[in-house]
PDB file of N, CA and C in Angstrom:
ATOM      1  N   MET A   1      86.036  78.039  13.453  1.00  0.00           N
ATOM      2  CA  MET A   1      86.084  78.285  12.020  1.00  0.00           C
ATOM      3  C   MET A   1      87.449  77.893  11.460  1.00  0.00           C
ATOM      4  N   THR A   2      87.434  77.456  10.231  1.00  0.00           N
ATOM      5  CA  THR A   2      88.684  77.107   9.564  1.00  0.00           C
ATOM      6  C   THR A   2      89.155  78.267   8.705  1.00  0.00           C
ATOM      7  N   VAL A   3      90.353  78.152   8.210  1.00  0.00           N
ATOM      8  CA  VAL A   3      90.890  79.174   7.316  1.00  0.00           C
ATOM      9  C   VAL A   3      90.008  79.290   6.070  1.00  0.00           C
ATOM     10  N   PHE A   4      89.410  78.196   5.654  1.00  0.00           N
ATOM     11  CA  PHE A   4      88.547  78.212   4.471  1.00  0.00           C
ATOM     12  C   PHE A   4      87.253  78.980   4.742  1.00  0.00           C
ATOM     13  N   ASP A   5      86.786  78.949   5.975  1.00  0.00           N
ATOM     14  CA  ASP A   5      85.600  79.726   6.350  1.00  0.00           C
ATOM     15  C   ASP A   5      85.960  81.205   6.519  1.00  0.00           C
ATOM     16  N   ASP A   6      87.086  81.448   7.180  1.00  0.00           N
ATOM     17  CA  ASP A   6      87.510  82.823   7.460  1.00  0.00           C
ATOM     18  C   ASP A   6      87.787  83.625   6.188  1.00  0.00           C
ATOM     19  N   HIS A   7      88.278  82.964   5.165  1.00  0.00           N
ATOM     20  CA  HIS A   7      88.698  83.656   3.943  1.00  0.00           C
ATOM     21  C   HIS A   7      87.934  83.159   2.717  1.00  0.00           C
ATOM     22  N   LYS A   8      86.689  82.800   2.938  1.00  0.00           N
ATOM     23  CA  LYS A   8      85.874  82.190   1.884  1.00  0.00           C
ATOM     24  C   LYS A   8      85.783  83.060   0.631  1.00  0.00           C
ATOM     25  N   GLN A   9      85.491  84.341   0.800  1.00  0.00           N
ATOM     26  CA  GLN A   9      85.314  85.220  -0.361  1.00  0.00           C
ATOM     27  C   GLN A   9      86.599  85.375  -1.167  1.00  0.00           C
ATOM     28  N   GLU A  10      87.711  85.604  -0.475  1.00  0.00           N
ATOM     29  CA  GLU A  10      88.986  85.749  -1.178  1.00  0.00           C
ATOM     30  C   GLU A  10      89.353  84.462  -1.908  1.00  0.00           C
ATOM     31  N   LEU A  11      89.158  83.322  -1.220  1.00  0.00           N
ATOM     32  CA  LEU A  11      89.469  82.033  -1.835  1.00  0.00           C
ATOM     33  C   LEU A  11      88.627  81.808  -3.087  1.00  0.00           C
ATOM     34  N   GLU A  12      87.340  82.076  -3.003  1.00  0.00           N
ATOM     35  CA  GLU A  12      86.474  81.882  -4.163  1.00  0.00           C
ATOM     36  C   GLU A  12      86.931  82.753  -5.326  1.00  0.00           C
ATOM     37  N   LYS A  13      87.246  84.010  -5.041  1.00  0.00           N
ATOM     38  CA  LYS A  13      87.659  84.953  -6.090  1.00  0.00           C
ATOM     39  C   LYS A  13      88.952  84.492  -6.761  1.00  0.00           C
ATOM     40  N   PHE A  14      89.977  84.201  -5.962  1.00  0.00           N
ATOM     41  CA  PHE A  14      91.266  83.836  -6.536  1.00  0.00           C
ATOM     42  C   PHE A  14      91.254  82.443  -7.155  1.00  0.00           C
ATOM     43  N   GLU A  15      90.502  81.507  -6.571  1.00  0.00           N
ATOM     44  CA  GLU A  15      90.412  80.176  -7.169  1.00  0.00           C
ATOM     45  C   GLU A  15      89.707  80.233  -8.518  1.00  0.00           C
ATOM     46  N   LEU A  16      88.724  81.096  -8.653  1.00  0.00           N
ATOM     47  CA  LEU A  16      88.028  81.264  -9.925  1.00  0.00           C
ATOM     48  C   LEU A  16      88.975  81.861 -10.975  1.00  0.00           C
ATOM     49  N   MET A  17      89.778  82.843 -10.577  1.00  0.00           N
ATOM     50  CA  MET A  17      90.693  83.500 -11.515  1.00  0.00           C
ATOM     51  C   MET A  17      91.884  82.632 -11.888  1.00  0.00           C
ATOM     52  N   MET A  18      92.423  81.879 -10.892  1.00  0.00           N
ATOM     53  CA  MET A  18      93.711  81.215 -11.089  1.00  0.00           C
ATOM     54  C   MET A  18      93.666  79.698 -10.980  1.00  0.00           C
ATOM     55  N   GLY A  19      92.547  79.151 -10.587  1.00  0.00           N
ATOM     56  CA  GLY A  19      92.468  77.722 -10.310  1.00  0.00           C
ATOM     57  C   GLY A  19      92.681  77.480  -8.823  1.00  0.00           C
ATOM     58  N   PRO A  20      92.313  76.293  -8.349  1.00  0.00           N
ATOM     59  CA  PRO A  20      92.369  76.031  -6.903  1.00  0.00           C
ATOM     60  C   PRO A  20      93.753  76.187  -6.268  1.00  0.00           C
ATOM     61  N   ALA A  21      94.770  75.586  -6.844  1.00  0.00           N
ATOM     62  CA  ALA A  21      96.095  75.619  -6.209  1.00  0.00           C
ATOM     63  C   ALA A  21      96.681  77.030  -6.209  1.00  0.00           C
ATOM     64  N   ARG A  22      96.708  77.666  -7.369  1.00  0.00           N
ATOM     65  CA  ARG A  22      97.288  79.005  -7.447  1.00  0.00           C
ATOM     66  C   ARG A  22      96.432  80.023  -6.698  1.00  0.00           C
ATOM     67  N   GLY A  23      95.118  79.829  -6.682  1.00  0.00           N
ATOM     68  CA  GLY A  23      94.240  80.730  -5.941  1.00  0.00           C
ATOM     69  C   GLY A  23      94.509  80.673  -4.446  1.00  0.00           C
ATOM     70  N   ARG A  24      94.683  79.463  -3.929  1.00  0.00           N
ATOM     71  CA  ARG A  24      94.986  79.321  -2.498  1.00  0.00           C
ATOM     72  C   ARG A  24      96.353  79.901  -2.170  1.00  0.00           C
ATOM     73  N   LEU A  25      97.310  79.708  -3.060  1.00  0.00           N
ATOM     74  CA  LEU A  25      98.628  80.297  -2.837  1.00  0.00           C
ATOM     75  C   LEU A  25      98.561  81.819  -2.863  1.00  0.00           C
ATOM     76  N   ALA A  26      97.723  82.375  -3.719  1.00  0.00           N
ATOM     77  CA  ALA A  26      97.572  83.831  -3.772  1.00  0.00           C
ATOM     78  C   ALA A  26      97.001  84.368  -2.465  1.00  0.00           C
ATOM     79  N   VAL A  27      96.015  83.680  -1.914  1.00  0.00           N
ATOM     80  CA  VAL A  27      95.451  84.097  -0.623  1.00  0.00           C
ATOM     81  C   VAL A  27      96.510  83.939   0.469  1.00  0.00           C
ATOM     82  N   THR A  28      97.304  82.886   0.390  1.00  0.00           N
ATOM     83  CA  THR A  28      98.386  82.684   1.354  1.00  0.00           C
ATOM     84  C   THR A  28      99.374  83.840   1.299  1.00  0.00           C
ATOM     85  N   LEU A  29      99.712  84.288   0.087  1.00  0.00           N
ATOM     86  CA  LEU A  29     100.618  85.440  -0.047  1.00  0.00           C
ATOM     87  C   LEU A  29     100.018  86.685   0.584  1.00  0.00           C
ATOM     88  N   ASP A  30      98.734  86.888   0.382  1.00  0.00           N
ATOM     89  CA  ASP A  30      98.070  88.043   1.005  1.00  0.00           C
ATOM     90  C   ASP A  30      98.143  87.965   2.524  1.00  0.00           C
ATOM     91  N   LEU A  31      97.917  86.770   3.074  1.00  0.00           N
ATOM     92  CA  LEU A  31      97.974  86.600   4.528  1.00  0.00           C
ATOM     93  C   LEU A  31      99.394  86.830   5.048  1.00  0.00           C
ATOM     94  N   LEU A  32     100.387  86.323   4.322  1.00  0.00           N
ATOM     95  CA  LEU A  32     101.776  86.551   4.726  1.00  0.00           C
ATOM     96  C   LEU A  32     102.140  88.025   4.650  1.00  0.00           C
ATOM     97  N   THR A  33     101.660  88.714   3.624  1.00  0.00           N
ATOM     98  CA  THR A  33     101.919  90.146   3.493  1.00  0.00           C
ATOM     99  C   THR A  33     101.285  90.909   4.651  1.00  0.00           C
ATOM    100  N   ASP A  34     100.062  90.543   5.024  1.00  0.00           N
ATOM    101  CA  ASP A  34      99.411  91.173   6.172  1.00  0.00           C
ATOM    102  C   ASP A  34     100.205  90.925   7.454  1.00  0.00           C
ATOM    103  N   ALA A  35     100.696  89.695   7.621  1.00  0.00           N
ATOM    104  CA  ALA A  35     101.498  89.365   8.810  1.00  0.00           C
ATOM    105  C   ALA A  35     102.780  90.184   8.830  1.00  0.00           C
ATOM    106  N   MET A  36     103.399  90.362   7.665  1.00  0.00           N
ATOM    107  CA  MET A  36     104.620  91.165   7.596  1.00  0.00           C
ATOM    108  C   MET A  36     104.354  92.609   7.999  1.00  0.00           C
ATOM    109  N   ALA A  37     103.228  93.142   7.581  1.00  0.00           N
ATOM    110  CA  ALA A  37     102.883  94.519   7.944  1.00  0.00           C
ATOM    111  C   ALA A  37     102.680  94.654   9.450  1.00  0.00           C
ATOM    112  N   LEU A  38     101.993  93.685  10.047  1.00  0.00           N
ATOM    113  CA  LEU A  38     101.765  93.730  11.490  1.00  0.00           C
ATOM    114  C   LEU A  38     103.066  93.593  12.273  1.00  0.00           C
ATOM    115  N   VAL A  39     103.917  92.682  11.844  1.00  0.00           N
ATOM    116  CA  VAL A  39     105.208  92.505  12.516  1.00  0.00           C
ATOM    117  C   VAL A  39     106.061  93.754  12.338  1.00  0.00           C
ATOM    118  N   GLY A  40     106.015  94.345  11.152  1.00  0.00           N
ATOM    119  CA  GLY A  40     106.765  95.574  10.909  1.00  0.00           C
ATOM    120  C   GLY A  40     106.315  96.705  11.814  1.00  0.00           C
ATOM    121  N   GLN A  41     105.009  96.841  11.993  1.00  0.00           N
ATOM    122  CA  GLN A  41     104.492  97.877  12.892  1.00  0.00           C
ATOM    123  C   GLN A  41     104.946  97.614  14.320  1.00  0.00           C
ATOM    124  N   HIS A  42     104.903  96.361  14.738  1.00  0.00           N
ATOM    125  CA  HIS A  42     105.332  96.008  16.087  1.00  0.00           C
ATOM    126  C   HIS A  42     106.822  96.297  16.261  1.00  0.00           C
ATOM    127  N   GLY A  43     107.588  96.046  15.198  1.00  0.00           N
ATOM    128  CA  GLY A  43     109.031  96.281  15.254  1.00  0.00           C
ATOM    129  C   GLY A  43     109.397  97.736  15.474  1.00  0.00           C
ATOM    130  N   VAL A  44     108.521  98.641  15.089  1.00  0.00           N
ATOM    131  CA  VAL A  44     108.771 100.061  15.307  1.00  0.00           C
ATOM    132  C   VAL A  44     108.793 100.377  16.803  1.00  0.00           C
ATOM    133  N   TYR A  45     107.954  99.700  17.537  1.00  0.00           N
ATOM    134  CA  TYR A  45     107.825  99.972  18.977  1.00  0.00           C
ATOM    135  C   TYR A  45     108.739  99.106  19.834  1.00  0.00           C
ATOM    136  N   CYS A  46     109.169  97.974  19.329  1.00  0.00           N
ATOM    137  CA  CYS A  46     110.045  97.071  20.078  1.00  0.00           C
ATOM    138  C   CYS A  46     111.445  97.127  19.487  1.00  0.00           C
ATOM    139  N   GLN A  47     112.216  98.108  19.929  1.00  0.00           N
ATOM    140  CA  GLN A  47     113.559  98.317  19.399  1.00  0.00           C
ATOM    141  C   GLN A  47     114.575  97.450  20.142  1.00  0.00           C
ATOM    142  N   SER A  48     115.612  97.061  19.423  1.00  0.00           N
ATOM    143  CA  SER A  48     116.687  96.257  19.983  1.00  0.00           C
ATOM    144  C   SER A  48     117.575  97.119  20.874  1.00  0.00           C
ATOM    145  N   ALA A  49     117.924  96.589  22.041  1.00  0.00           N
ATOM    146  CA  ALA A  49     118.838  97.303  22.935  1.00  0.00           C
ATOM    147  C   ALA A  49     120.262  97.257  22.376  1.00  0.00           C
ATOM    148  N   ARG A  50     120.606  96.165  21.702  1.00  0.00           N
ATOM    149  CA  ARG A  50     121.951  95.987  21.158  1.00  0.00           C
ATOM    150  C   ARG A  50     122.160  96.718  19.839  1.00  0.00           C
ATOM    151  N   GLN A  51     121.083  96.838  19.075  1.00  0.00           N
ATOM    152  CA  GLN A  51     121.176  97.457  17.749  1.00  0.00           C
ATOM    153  C   GLN A  51     120.147  98.583  17.650  1.00  0.00           C
ATOM    154  N   PRO A  52     120.491  99.761  18.141  1.00  0.00           N
ATOM    155  CA  PRO A  52     119.538 100.874  18.096  1.00  0.00           C
ATOM    156  C   PRO A  52     119.048 101.125  16.667  1.00  0.00           C
ATOM    157  N   GLY A  53     117.760 101.385  16.540  1.00  0.00           N
ATOM    158  CA  GLY A  53     117.163 101.639  15.240  1.00  0.00           C
ATOM    159  C   GLY A  53     116.682 100.399  14.528  1.00  0.00           C
ATOM    160  N   LYS A  54     116.961  99.221  15.100  1.00  0.00           N
ATOM    161  CA  LYS A  54     116.502  97.966  14.511  1.00  0.00           C
ATOM    162  C   LYS A  54     115.487  97.326  15.444  1.00  0.00           C
ATOM    163  N   PRO A  55     114.583  96.520  14.893  1.00  0.00           N
ATOM    164  CA  PRO A  55     113.618  95.834  15.751  1.00  0.00           C
ATOM    165  C   PRO A  55     114.316  94.835  16.679  1.00  0.00           C
ATOM    166  N   ALA A  56     113.615  94.451  17.727  1.00  0.00           N
ATOM    167  CA  ALA A  56     114.139  93.446  18.661  1.00  0.00           C
ATOM    168  C   ALA A  56     114.460  92.165  17.901  1.00  0.00           C
ATOM    169  N   MET A  57     115.361  91.377  18.445  1.00  0.00           N
ATOM    170  CA  MET A  57     115.837  90.167  17.763  1.00  0.00           C
ATOM    171  C   MET A  57     114.702  89.196  17.425  1.00  0.00           C
ATOM    172  N   ASP A  58     113.739  89.043  18.331  1.00  0.00           N
ATOM    173  CA  ASP A  58     112.648  88.119  18.034  1.00  0.00           C
ATOM    174  C   ASP A  58     111.797  88.627  16.877  1.00  0.00           C
ATOM    175  N   ILE A  59     111.618  89.926  16.790  1.00  0.00           N
ATOM    176  CA  ILE A  59     110.865  90.527  15.688  1.00  0.00           C
ATOM    177  C   ILE A  59     111.622  90.308  14.380  1.00  0.00           C
ATOM    178  N   GLN A  60     112.942  90.473  14.412  1.00  0.00           N
ATOM    179  CA  GLN A  60     113.758  90.238  13.221  1.00  0.00           C
ATOM    180  C   GLN A  60     113.646  88.780  12.762  1.00  0.00           C
ATOM    181  N   ALA A  61     113.657  87.848  13.714  1.00  0.00           N
ATOM    182  CA  ALA A  61     113.559  86.423  13.375  1.00  0.00           C
ATOM    183  C   ALA A  61     112.197  86.093  12.762  1.00  0.00           C
ATOM    184  N   ILE A  62     111.141  86.656  13.340  1.00  0.00           N
ATOM    185  CA  ILE A  62     109.790  86.423  12.802  1.00  0.00           C
ATOM    186  C   ILE A  62     109.690  86.994  11.396  1.00  0.00           C
ATOM    187  N   MET A  63     110.183  88.200  11.197  1.00  0.00           N
ATOM    188  CA  MET A  63     110.108  88.838   9.888  1.00  0.00           C
ATOM    189  C   MET A  63     110.883  88.028   8.848  1.00  0.00           C
ATOM    190  N   LYS A  64     112.047  87.506   9.217  1.00  0.00           N
ATOM    191  CA  LYS A  64     112.820  86.693   8.284  1.00  0.00           C
ATOM    192  C   LYS A  64     112.063  85.430   7.913  1.00  0.00           C
ATOM    193  N   SER A  65     111.463  84.765   8.887  1.00  0.00           N
ATOM    194  CA  SER A  65     110.716  83.539   8.610  1.00  0.00           C
ATOM    195  C   SER A  65     109.525  83.803   7.689  1.00  0.00           C
ATOM    196  N   VAL A  66     108.798  84.861   7.959  1.00  0.00           N
ATOM    197  CA  VAL A  66     107.630  85.188   7.132  1.00  0.00           C
ATOM    198  C   VAL A  66     108.082  85.590   5.732  1.00  0.00           C
ATOM    199  N   THR A  67     109.154  86.364   5.632  1.00  0.00           N
ATOM    200  CA  THR A  67     109.682  86.768   4.330  1.00  0.00           C
ATOM    201  C   THR A  67     110.154  85.554   3.534  1.00  0.00           C
ATOM    202  N   ASP A  68     110.837  84.624   4.199  1.00  0.00           N
ATOM    203  CA  ASP A  68     111.292  83.402   3.531  1.00  0.00           C
ATOM    204  C   ASP A  68     110.104  82.555   3.068  1.00  0.00           C
ATOM    205  N   ALA A  69     109.079  82.435   3.907  1.00  0.00           N
ATOM    206  CA  ALA A  69     107.886  81.669   3.536  1.00  0.00           C
ATOM    207  C   ALA A  69     107.212  82.295   2.320  1.00  0.00           C
ATOM    208  N   LYS A  70     107.148  83.611   2.299  1.00  0.00           N
ATOM    209  CA  LYS A  70     106.532  84.319   1.172  1.00  0.00           C
ATOM    210  C   LYS A  70     107.327  84.056  -0.111  1.00  0.00           C
ATOM    211  N   ALA A  71     108.640  84.078  -0.026  1.00  0.00           N
ATOM    212  CA  ALA A  71     109.473  83.818  -1.201  1.00  0.00           C
ATOM    213  C   ALA A  71     109.267  82.397  -1.722  1.00  0.00           C
ATOM    214  N   LEU A  72     109.130  81.437  -0.815  1.00  0.00           N
ATOM    215  CA  LEU A  72     108.879  80.055  -1.235  1.00  0.00           C
ATOM    216  C   LEU A  72     107.530  79.912  -1.925  1.00  0.00           C
ATOM    217  N   VAL A  73     106.507  80.543  -1.385  1.00  0.00           N
ATOM    218  CA  VAL A  73     105.181  80.484  -1.999  1.00  0.00           C
ATOM    219  C   VAL A  73     105.221  81.134  -3.380  1.00  0.00           C
ATOM    220  N   GLN A  74     105.922  82.261  -3.492  1.00  0.00           N
ATOM    221  CA  GLN A  74     106.037  82.923  -4.793  1.00  0.00           C
ATOM    222  C   GLN A  74     106.741  82.025  -5.806  1.00  0.00           C
ATOM    223  N   SER A  75     107.755  81.299  -5.364  1.00  0.00           N
ATOM    224  CA  SER A  75     108.472  80.414  -6.282  1.00  0.00           C
ATOM    225  C   SER A  75     107.578  79.267  -6.746  1.00  0.00           C
ATOM    226  N   VAL A  76     106.726  78.764  -5.855  1.00  0.00           N
ATOM    227  CA  VAL A  76     105.782  77.714  -6.248  1.00  0.00           C
ATOM    228  C   VAL A  76     104.784  78.248  -7.268  1.00  0.00           C
ATOM    229  N   MET A  77     104.286  79.458  -7.044  1.00  0.00           N
ATOM    230  CA  MET A  77     103.347  80.054  -8.001  1.00  0.00           C
ATOM    231  C   MET A  77     104.001  80.241  -9.364  1.00  0.00           C
ATOM    232  N   GLN A  78     105.264  80.663  -9.395  1.00  0.00           N
ATOM    233  CA  GLN A  78     105.963  80.825 -10.658  1.00  0.00           C
ATOM    234  C   GLN A  78     106.167  79.478 -11.352  1.00  0.00           C
ATOM    235  N   GLU A  79     106.482  78.460 -10.575  1.00  0.00           N
ATOM    236  CA  GLU A  79     106.663  77.123 -11.129  1.00  0.00           C
ATOM    237  C   GLU A  79     105.359  76.594 -11.722  1.00  0.00           C
ATOM    238  N   LEU A  80     104.261  76.772 -11.003  1.00  0.00           N
ATOM    239  CA  LEU A  80     102.953  76.346 -11.526  1.00  0.00           C
ATOM    240  C   LEU A  80     102.598  77.095 -12.789  1.00  0.00           C
ATOM    241  N   LYS A  81     102.898  78.381 -12.805  1.00  0.00           N
ATOM    242  CA  LYS A  81     102.619  79.196 -13.987  1.00  0.00           C
ATOM    243  C   LYS A  81     103.432  78.701 -15.186  1.00  0.00           C
ATOM    244  N   ALA A  82     104.700  78.386 -14.955  1.00  0.00           N
ATOM    245  CA  ALA A  82     105.558  77.887 -16.027  1.00  0.00           C
ATOM    246  C   ALA A  82     105.078  76.528 -16.538  1.00  0.00           C
ATOM    247  N   GLN A  83     104.625  75.673 -15.641  1.00  0.00           N
ATOM    248  CA  GLN A  83     104.131  74.348 -16.032  1.00  0.00           C
ATOM    249  C   GLN A  83     102.871  74.447 -16.864  1.00  0.00           C
ATOM    250  N   GLN A  84     102.043  75.442 -16.559  1.00  0.00           N
ATOM    251  CA  GLN A  84     100.792  75.606 -17.279  1.00  0.00           C
ATOM    252  C   GLN A  84     100.971  76.421 -18.539  1.00  0.00           C
ATOM    253  N   GLY A  85     102.149  77.034 -18.686  1.00  0.00           N
ATOM    254  CA  GLY A  85     102.418  77.838 -19.873  1.00  0.00           C
ATOM    255  C   GLY A  85     101.599  79.109 -19.965  1.00  0.00           C
ATOM    256  N   ILE A  86     101.298  79.681 -18.788  1.00  0.00           N
ATOM    257  CA  ILE A  86     100.482  80.897 -18.744  1.00  0.00           C
ATOM    258  C   ILE A  86     101.381  82.109 -18.668  1.00  0.00           C
TER     259      ILE A  86
END
C-alpha cells in the first residue's frame, strides 16, 4: 500500500477543504505530529546516560529532525496561503 492508500480518508477530507497541495501538507503535518508523539514517548524510557532527565542522543536527534521538518511544512503552508490571499 502507498501513503495515498493508507491515508485516503484524511487526504480526501483535507484536499476538499484546502485544495490538493495544502491538503496533502496538512496530512503530512498530522503524520509528523504523530511521529513526534511516538518519539517523545520513547524518549521517556530511553534516558541519556550523560544528561540525566533528557532523552538519549539519538532520540534527541530524531526529534529535532522531525520538528524541523514540521516547521518547514508549516512555512510552505503559510506561503501558499499568502499567495492565494486566504
